[in-house]
Amino acid sequence: MTIRPGAPMPEELRHYIRARQHPACAIVCPWCAAHPHRPCTVPSKRREVPEPHQQRQAAWAQHIACCTTCQVTPGIPCHRDGQALPNGAVHAARYQEAEATAA
């Protein structure tokens, strides 16, 4: 098998190569605006943080998983009594569902 530099790589393989990153790093961080597959940074943009911001994890869970608590589909924000949860938060069950989906 010959390896060619610059050859296109399927997105499925690219995801597994980056498996050392948290799955939430696959989307843009709404808090620090870190690009996909790049680590989150502090507000001054000079130092990277080891874990993705909570807002990025919530956005990732909202993007890929259904919520079993409030019965919403992926992409729809979680709600309580008809009102969206504050600051884009999601229910704990949705995090669990997202981790199961990513595994």
Protein backbone atom coordinates (compact mmCIF):
# COMPACT_ATOMS: atom_id res chain seq x y z
CA MET A 1 0.00 0.00 0.00
CA THR A 2 1.35 3.37 -0.98
CA ILE A 3 0.79 6.41 1.19
CA ARG A 4 0.37 9.58 -0.81
CA PRO A 5 0.75 12.93 0.92
CA GLY A 6 -2.24 15.14 0.36
CA ALA A 7 -4.55 12.25 -0.49
CA PRO A 8 -8.13 12.78 0.72
CA MET A 9 -9.03 11.01 3.93
CA PRO A 10 -12.57 9.91 4.74
CA GLU A 11 -14.10 11.84 7.65
CA GLU A 12 -14.75 8.57 9.54
CA LEU A 13 -11.03 7.75 9.60
CA ARG A 14 -10.06 11.30 10.44
CA HIS A 15 -12.35 11.15 13.49
CA TYR A 16 -10.67 7.99 14.82
CA ILE A 17 -7.19 9.38 14.29
CA ARG A 18 -8.15 12.33 16.51
CA ALA A 19 -9.62 10.02 19.16
CA ARG A 20 -7.35 11.43 21.86
CA GLN A 21 -9.43 14.61 21.77
CA HIS A 22 -12.78 14.98 23.48
CA PRO A 23 -15.56 14.38 20.93
CA ALA A 24 -16.91 17.89 21.60
CA CYS A 25 -13.82 19.29 19.87
CA ALA A 26 -15.45 18.35 16.57
CA ILE A 27 -17.52 21.56 16.62
CA VAL A 28 -16.76 25.28 17.04
CA CYS A 29 -16.64 26.40 20.67
CA PRO A 30 -19.37 28.99 21.35
CA TRP A 31 -17.39 30.36 24.30
CA CYS A 32 -13.89 30.98 22.90
CA ALA A 33 -14.60 30.47 19.16
CA ALA A 34 -11.97 27.72 18.86
CA HIS A 35 -12.14 26.08 15.46
CA PRO A 36 -13.18 22.43 15.05
CA HIS A 37 -10.50 19.95 16.15
CA ARG A 38 -8.56 22.71 17.94
CA PRO A 39 -8.35 22.99 21.74
CA CYS A 40 -10.25 25.64 23.67
CA THR A 41 -8.30 28.64 24.90
CA VAL A 42 -8.53 31.18 27.70
CA PRO A 43 -10.07 34.56 26.79
CA SER A 44 -6.67 36.09 26.00
CA LYS A 45 -6.20 33.33 23.35
CA ARG A 46 -2.68 32.66 24.55
CA ARG A 47 -3.12 29.52 26.61
CA GLU A 48 -4.92 26.30 25.71
CA VAL A 49 -7.07 24.57 28.30
CA PRO A 50 -6.89 20.78 28.71
CA GLU A 51 -10.66 20.14 28.48
CA PRO A 52 -13.26 21.73 26.20
CA HIS A 53 -15.38 24.48 27.73
CA GLN A 54 -18.71 23.45 29.22
CA GLN A 55 -20.56 25.44 26.55
CA ARG A 56 -18.78 23.47 23.82
CA GLN A 57 -19.69 20.18 25.44
CA ALA A 58 -23.32 21.28 25.75
CA ALA A 59 -23.44 22.42 22.11
CA TRP A 60 -21.92 19.10 21.02
CA ALA A 61 -24.46 17.09 23.04
CA GLN A 62 -27.29 19.20 21.65
CA HIS A 63 -25.98 18.71 18.11
CA ILE A 64 -25.73 14.90 18.10
CA ALA A 65 -28.07 13.45 20.74
CA CYS A 66 -31.75 13.28 21.57
CA CYS A 67 -32.75 14.29 25.10
CA THR A 68 -34.66 11.60 26.96
CA THR A 69 -35.68 14.05 29.70
CA CYS A 70 -37.51 16.65 27.62
CA GLN A 71 -38.00 14.50 24.48
CA VAL A 72 -36.35 16.72 21.88
CA THR A 73 -34.43 15.71 18.78
CA PRO A 74 -30.83 16.62 17.92
CA GLY A 75 -30.36 20.31 17.23
CA ILE A 76 -33.29 21.42 19.41
CA PRO A 77 -32.34 23.04 22.77
CA CYS A 78 -33.40 21.34 26.00
CA HIS A 79 -36.27 22.96 27.83
CA ARG A 80 -38.06 22.95 31.17
CA ASP A 81 -41.74 23.91 31.33
CA GLY A 82 -41.61 25.28 27.79
CA GLN A 83 -38.62 27.56 28.44
CA ALA A 84 -35.15 26.81 27.04
CA LEU A 85 -32.53 26.06 29.68
CA PRO A 86 -30.30 29.08 30.47
CA ASN A 87 -27.01 29.61 28.61
CA GLY A 88 -27.62 26.70 26.21
CA ALA A 89 -27.38 24.10 28.98
CA VAL A 90 -28.55 20.53 28.38
CA HIS A 91 -29.89 17.82 30.68
CA ALA A 92 -27.47 15.26 32.11
CA ALA A 93 -29.30 12.49 30.25
CA ARG A 94 -28.42 14.18 26.97
CA TYR A 95 -24.71 14.11 27.83
CA GLN A 96 -24.98 10.39 28.53
CA GLU A 97 -26.81 9.83 25.25
CA ALA A 98 -24.18 11.84 23.35
CA GLU A 99 -21.31 9.87 24.89
CA ALA A 100 -23.08 6.60 24.01
CA THR A 101 -23.60 7.83 20.45
CA ALA A 102 -19.95 8.86 20.11
CA ALA A 103 -18.63 5.55 21.42
